[in-house]
Amino acid sequence: MYLGRVIGTVACQRKAPGLEGQKFLVVQPLNDALEAVGPSQVAVDAVQAGPQELVYLVGSREAALALDPYFVPVDAAIVGIVDGLHNPERELVSQRPARATASKNGKSKGRASK
């Protein structure tokens, strides 16, 4: 598994069998300090990630297993959206902004971050 940031989308008119209806995103791989490493890549999105979200990906055979049916022809798959990242050698890095949600009485309240 490795980290990445969604930086774009890919539009496809035709896709290989098993990839119909799947969304493809352009992802910049990152290290644990959230610094870019290597070139950007296209990954199939198995978790409905959005623009600029920090995600984690799998590659190679594991990527092919991330979708149903198994063994689709992909090299990278987004399998999770990162809420926060903690490295004991670094400070806690929160990645998901607090989202306002409506309470029962109609007032907005923010989501507490971890």
C-alpha atoms as a PDB file:
ATOM      1  CA  MET A   1       0.000   0.000   0.000  1.00  0.00           C
ATOM      2  CA  TYR A   2       1.062   3.563  -0.551  1.00  0.00           C
ATOM      3  CA  LEU A   3      -0.263   7.088  -0.113  1.00  0.00           C
ATOM      4  CA  GLY A   4      -1.376   9.448  -2.844  1.00  0.00           C
ATOM      5  CA  ARG A   5      -3.318  12.642  -3.493  1.00  0.00           C
ATOM      6  CA  VAL A   6      -6.077  12.838  -6.111  1.00  0.00           C
ATOM      7  CA  ILE A   7      -5.044  15.512  -8.605  1.00  0.00           C
ATOM      8  CA  GLY A   8      -7.303  14.895 -11.595  1.00  0.00           C
ATOM      9  CA  THR A   9      -9.766  12.712 -13.461  1.00  0.00           C
ATOM     10  CA  VAL A  10      -9.645  10.558 -16.576  1.00  0.00           C
ATOM     11  CA  ALA A  11     -12.504  10.303 -19.080  1.00  0.00           C
ATOM     12  CA  CYS A  12     -12.708   7.102 -21.106  1.00  0.00           C
ATOM     13  CA  GLN A  13     -15.013   6.394 -24.015  1.00  0.00           C
ATOM     14  CA  ARG A  14     -14.155   2.681 -24.063  1.00  0.00           C
ATOM     15  CA  LYS A  15     -12.913   0.436 -21.279  1.00  0.00           C
ATOM     16  CA  ALA A  16     -11.733  -3.160 -21.018  1.00  0.00           C
ATOM     17  CA  PRO A  17     -14.302  -5.744 -19.935  1.00  0.00           C
ATOM     18  CA  GLY A  18     -14.819  -5.575 -16.166  1.00  0.00           C
ATOM     19  CA  LEU A  19     -14.007  -1.846 -15.991  1.00  0.00           C
ATOM     20  CA  GLU A  20     -17.324  -0.540 -17.315  1.00  0.00           C
ATOM     21  CA  GLY A  21     -18.792   2.009 -14.888  1.00  0.00           C
ATOM     22  CA  GLN A  22     -15.538   2.425 -12.955  1.00  0.00           C
ATOM     23  CA  LYS A  23     -14.091   5.885 -12.281  1.00  0.00           C
ATOM     24  CA  PHE A  24     -10.430   6.588 -13.019  1.00  0.00           C
ATOM     25  CA  LEU A  25      -8.476   9.284 -11.173  1.00  0.00           C
ATOM     26  CA  VAL A  26      -5.020  10.793 -11.582  1.00  0.00           C
ATOM     27  CA  VAL A  27      -3.075  10.350  -8.336  1.00  0.00           C
ATOM     28  CA  GLN A  28       0.270  11.775  -7.201  1.00  0.00           C
ATOM     29  CA  PRO A  29       2.097   9.204  -5.017  1.00  0.00           C
ATOM     30  CA  LEU A  30       3.331  10.634  -1.688  1.00  0.00           C
ATOM     31  CA  ASN A  31       5.731   9.633   1.064  1.00  0.00           C
ATOM     32  CA  ASP A  32       4.841   9.702   4.784  1.00  0.00           C
ATOM     33  CA  ALA A  33       5.750  13.415   4.917  1.00  0.00           C
ATOM     34  CA  LEU A  34       3.149  13.970   2.163  1.00  0.00           C
ATOM     35  CA  GLU A  35       5.842  14.929  -0.348  1.00  0.00           C
ATOM     36  CA  ALA A  36       5.473  13.897  -3.991  1.00  0.00           C
ATOM     37  CA  VAL A  37       7.485  10.849  -5.013  1.00  0.00           C
ATOM     38  CA  GLY A  38       7.659   9.681  -8.595  1.00  0.00           C
ATOM     39  CA  PRO A  39       5.377  10.502 -11.500  1.00  0.00           C
ATOM     40  CA  SER A  40       1.602  10.808 -11.244  1.00  0.00           C
ATOM     41  CA  GLN A  41      -0.416   7.744 -12.215  1.00  0.00           C
ATOM     42  CA  VAL A  42      -3.927   6.688 -13.143  1.00  0.00           C
ATOM     43  CA  ALA A  43      -5.784   4.541 -10.613  1.00  0.00           C
ATOM     44  CA  VAL A  44      -9.228   2.996 -10.602  1.00  0.00           C
ATOM     45  CA  ASP A  45     -11.345   4.370  -7.740  1.00  0.00           C
ATOM     46  CA  ALA A  46     -12.934   1.668  -5.567  1.00  0.00           C
ATOM     47  CA  VAL A  47     -14.036   4.057  -2.761  1.00  0.00           C
ATOM     48  CA  GLN A  48     -15.489   7.179  -4.438  1.00  0.00           C
ATOM     49  CA  ALA A  49     -12.603   9.516  -3.604  1.00  0.00           C
ATOM     50  CA  GLY A  50     -12.871  13.208  -4.439  1.00  0.00           C
ATOM     51  CA  PRO A  51     -10.577  15.954  -5.702  1.00  0.00           C
ATOM     52  CA  GLN A  52      -7.506  16.684  -3.539  1.00  0.00           C
ATOM     53  CA  GLU A  53      -8.302  13.853  -1.095  1.00  0.00           C
ATOM     54  CA  LEU A  54      -5.479  11.917   0.524  1.00  0.00           C
ATOM     55  CA  VAL A  55      -5.958   8.267  -0.391  1.00  0.00           C
ATOM     56  CA  TYR A  56      -4.166   4.976  -0.081  1.00  0.00           C
ATOM     57  CA  LEU A  57      -3.614   2.723  -3.012  1.00  0.00           C
ATOM     58  CA  VAL A  58      -2.545  -0.776  -3.859  1.00  0.00           C
ATOM     59  CA  GLY A  59      -0.639  -1.789  -6.956  1.00  0.00           C
ATOM     60  CA  SER A  60       0.016  -4.794  -9.169  1.00  0.00           C
ATOM     61  CA  ARG A  61      -1.981  -7.953  -8.453  1.00  0.00           C
ATOM     62  CA  GLU A  62      -3.641  -6.415  -5.382  1.00  0.00           C
ATOM     63  CA  ALA A  63      -5.031  -3.628  -7.584  1.00  0.00           C
ATOM     64  CA  ALA A  64      -6.553  -6.196  -9.918  1.00  0.00           C
ATOM     65  CA  LEU A  65      -8.284  -7.813  -6.921  1.00  0.00           C
ATOM     66  CA  ALA A  66      -9.800  -4.535  -5.655  1.00  0.00           C
ATOM     67  CA  LEU A  67     -12.744  -4.668  -8.069  1.00  0.00           C
ATOM     68  CA  ASP A  68     -15.483  -7.105  -8.884  1.00  0.00           C
ATOM     69  CA  PRO A  69     -14.946  -9.110 -11.058  1.00  0.00           C
ATOM     70  CA  TYR A  70     -11.458  -9.998  -9.965  1.00  0.00           C
ATOM     71  CA  PHE A  71      -8.413  -9.814 -12.203  1.00  0.00           C
ATOM     72  CA  VAL A  72      -9.336  -6.709 -14.148  1.00  0.00           C
ATOM     73  CA  PRO A  73      -6.437  -5.109 -16.066  1.00  0.00           C
ATOM     74  CA  VAL A  74      -5.346  -2.305 -13.711  1.00  0.00           C
ATOM     75  CA  ASP A  75      -1.979  -1.362 -12.208  1.00  0.00           C
ATOM     76  CA  ALA A  76      -3.238   0.808  -9.316  1.00  0.00           C
ATOM     77  CA  ALA A  77      -6.458   0.981  -7.291  1.00  0.00           C
ATOM     78  CA  ILE A  78      -7.610   3.484  -4.669  1.00  0.00           C
ATOM     79  CA  VAL A  79      -8.862   1.375  -1.763  1.00  0.00           C
ATOM     80  CA  GLY A  80      -9.195   3.924   1.059  1.00  0.00           C
ATOM     81  CA  ILE A  81      -9.594   7.587   1.964  1.00  0.00           C
ATOM     82  CA  VAL A  82      -7.209   8.756   4.699  1.00  0.00           C
ATOM     83  CA  ASP A  83      -8.755  10.661   7.625  1.00  0.00           C
ATOM     84  CA  GLY A  84      -5.450  11.286   9.383  1.00  0.00           C
ATOM     85  CA  LEU A  85      -1.851  10.203   9.358  1.00  0.00           C
ATOM     86  CA  HIS A  86       0.377   9.671  12.366  1.00  0.00           C
ATOM     87  CA  ASN A  87       4.054   8.936  12.152  1.00  0.00           C
ATOM     88  CA  PRO A  88       5.780   8.726  15.567  1.00  0.00           C
ATOM     89  CA  GLU A  89       8.698  10.688  14.090  1.00  0.00           C
ATOM     90  CA  ARG A  90       6.389  13.515  12.983  1.00  0.00           C
ATOM     91  CA  GLU A  91       3.453  15.455  14.363  1.00  0.00           C
ATOM     92  CA  LEU A  92      -0.092  14.276  13.730  1.00  0.00           C
ATOM     93  CA  VAL A  93      -1.281  15.401  10.312  1.00  0.00           C
ATOM     94  CA  SER A  94      -5.038  15.707   9.928  1.00  0.00           C
ATOM     95  CA  GLN A  95      -6.137  15.511   6.310  1.00  0.00           C
ATOM     96  CA  ARG A  96      -9.922  15.633   6.189  1.00  0.00           C
ATOM     97  CA  PRO A  97     -11.498  19.014   6.825  1.00  0.00           C
ATOM     98  CA  ALA A  98     -14.365  19.193   9.286  1.00  0.00           C
ATOM     99  CA  ARG A  99     -17.619  18.952   7.369  1.00  0.00           C
ATOM    100  CA  ALA A 100     -20.707  20.790   8.505  1.00  0.00           C
ATOM    101  CA  THR A 101     -23.702  18.520   9.105  1.00  0.00           C
ATOM    102  CA  ALA A 102     -27.263  19.495   9.900  1.00  0.00           C
ATOM    103  CA  SER A 103     -28.491  18.488  13.341  1.00  0.00           C
ATOM    104  CA  LYS A 104     -32.058  17.453  14.135  1.00  0.00           C
ATOM    105  CA  ASN A 105     -33.016  21.035  15.000  1.00  0.00           C
ATOM    106  CA  GLY A 106     -31.728  22.296  11.625  1.00  0.00           C
ATOM    107  CA  LYS A 107     -28.623  24.027  13.013  1.00  0.00           C
ATOM    108  CA  SER A 108     -25.265  23.268  11.499  1.00  0.00           C
ATOM    109  CA  LYS A 109     -22.642  21.549  13.591  1.00  0.00           C
ATOM    110  CA  GLY A 110     -19.067  20.701  12.626  1.00  0.00           C
ATOM    111  CA  ARG A 111     -17.625  17.209  12.631  1.00  0.00           C
ATOM    112  CA  ALA A 112     -15.051  16.738  15.340  1.00  0.00           C
ATOM    113  CA  SER A 113     -11.658  15.735  14.040  1.00  0.00           C
ATOM    114  CA  LYS A 114      -9.488  13.128  15.689  1.00  0.00           C
END
